[in-house]
Amino acid sequence: MVPPGALLKPVTINAKTAGGTGNAVAFKPEGLTFSIPADLTLSYANCSTNGTTAAKQVAYTTDALGVISLVPSLDNLIAQKVTGQVSHFSNYAIAW
């Protein structure tokens, strides 16, 4: 969710799955920055976590899904969703 005041002007935002999986998303326009961090929520309900309860995080990734950095995230184990605070749009995925 992009909070009010995070963008200086109206912008059309597009998202598509990246890397052939629904758990990585490429957001456009790439490089769009927010003056206030936006919340990005990704589901991992379709992922095989092999029973791990390790906290999931939102990861900023390369086009090839290499992790560049982890963003501050909150994992909701019951809902199987993780929410991270992002300051710009690019490629993001779930990491654990």
Protein backbone atom coordinates (compact mmCIF):
# COMPACT_ATOMS: atom_id res chain seq x y z
CA MET A 1 0.00 0.00 0.00
CA VAL A 2 1.35 3.37 -1.01
CA PRO A 3 0.59 5.85 1.79
CA PRO A 4 -0.88 9.28 1.07
CA GLY A 5 1.86 11.80 0.33
CA ALA A 6 4.43 9.14 -0.66
CA LEU A 7 4.33 10.19 -4.33
CA LEU A 8 4.76 13.73 -5.62
CA LYS A 9 2.29 13.16 -8.48
CA PRO A 10 -0.13 10.46 -9.68
CA VAL A 11 1.71 7.46 -11.14
CA THR A 12 0.46 4.31 -12.85
CA ILE A 13 1.97 1.32 -11.07
CA ASN A 14 2.26 -2.09 -12.73
CA ALA A 15 3.27 -5.42 -11.23
CA LYS A 16 4.06 -8.76 -12.83
CA THR A 17 5.44 -12.01 -11.54
CA ALA A 18 9.17 -12.35 -12.04
CA GLY A 19 11.36 -15.36 -12.54
CA GLY A 20 8.45 -17.63 -13.52
CA THR A 21 7.06 -17.72 -9.99
CA GLY A 22 4.23 -15.97 -8.22
CA ASN A 23 6.44 -15.27 -5.20
CA ALA A 24 8.67 -12.76 -6.94
CA VAL A 25 7.24 -9.56 -8.34
CA ALA A 26 8.67 -6.89 -10.65
CA PHE A 27 7.14 -3.46 -10.10
CA LYS A 28 7.13 -0.72 -12.70
CA PRO A 29 8.07 1.98 -13.19
CA GLU A 30 11.36 0.56 -11.96
CA GLY A 31 13.18 2.95 -9.66
CA LEU A 32 10.03 4.81 -8.60
CA THR A 33 10.85 6.20 -5.16
CA PHE A 34 8.56 7.01 -2.26
CA SER A 35 9.04 9.93 0.11
CA ILE A 36 7.34 7.73 2.76
CA PRO A 37 7.99 3.95 2.71
CA ALA A 38 5.21 1.82 1.21
CA ASP A 39 4.04 -1.52 2.60
CA LEU A 40 4.47 -4.46 0.22
CA THR A 41 2.66 -7.67 1.21
CA LEU A 42 3.50 -10.95 -0.51
CA SER A 43 1.84 -14.32 0.08
CA TYR A 44 3.83 -17.52 0.46
CA ALA A 45 0.80 -19.78 0.89
CA ASN A 46 1.78 -21.66 -2.28
CA CYS A 47 5.41 -22.17 -1.19
CA SER A 48 6.82 -25.38 0.22
CA THR A 49 8.56 -24.14 3.36
CA ASN A 50 9.40 -27.71 4.44
CA GLY A 51 7.86 -27.05 7.85
CA THR A 52 10.29 -24.28 8.74
CA THR A 53 9.06 -21.54 11.02
CA ALA A 54 11.98 -19.30 10.08
CA ALA A 55 10.80 -15.73 9.60
CA LYS A 56 10.20 -14.82 5.98
CA GLN A 57 11.38 -11.45 4.70
CA VAL A 58 10.83 -9.31 1.64
CA ALA A 59 14.03 -9.21 -0.42
CA TYR A 60 15.05 -6.61 -3.01
CA THR A 61 16.41 -8.73 -5.88
CA THR A 62 18.16 -8.63 -9.23
CA ASP A 63 16.32 -9.69 -12.39
CA ALA A 64 17.87 -13.15 -11.86
CA LEU A 65 16.43 -13.21 -8.29
CA GLY A 66 19.77 -12.73 -6.54
CA VAL A 67 19.19 -11.03 -3.19
CA ILE A 68 20.54 -7.47 -3.09
CA SER A 69 19.19 -6.67 0.36
CA LEU A 70 16.48 -7.58 2.83
CA VAL A 71 13.94 -4.91 3.75
CA PRO A 72 12.38 -4.43 7.21
CA SER A 73 9.64 -7.09 7.26
CA LEU A 74 6.91 -8.62 9.43
CA ASP A 75 5.98 -12.27 8.87
CA ASN A 76 2.40 -13.40 9.55
CA LEU A 77 2.79 -17.18 9.90
CA ILE A 78 -0.96 -17.80 10.22
CA ALA A 79 -1.90 -15.83 7.08
CA GLN A 80 1.29 -16.99 5.30
CA LYS A 81 2.06 -13.44 4.22
CA VAL A 82 5.05 -11.21 4.77
CA THR A 83 4.93 -7.41 4.67
CA GLY A 84 8.00 -5.31 4.02
CA GLN A 85 8.61 -1.58 3.92
CA VAL A 86 9.98 -0.48 0.56
CA SER A 87 11.28 2.94 -0.42
CA HIS A 88 11.36 2.27 -4.17
CA PHE A 89 9.96 -0.07 -6.79
CA SER A 90 12.02 -2.72 -8.49
CA ASN A 91 12.09 -6.52 -8.09
CA TYR A 92 11.06 -8.10 -4.80
CA ALA A 93 10.72 -11.70 -3.61
CA ILE A 94 10.16 -13.67 -0.41
CA ALA A 95 13.31 -14.95 1.30
CA TRP A 96 13.99 -17.20 4.29
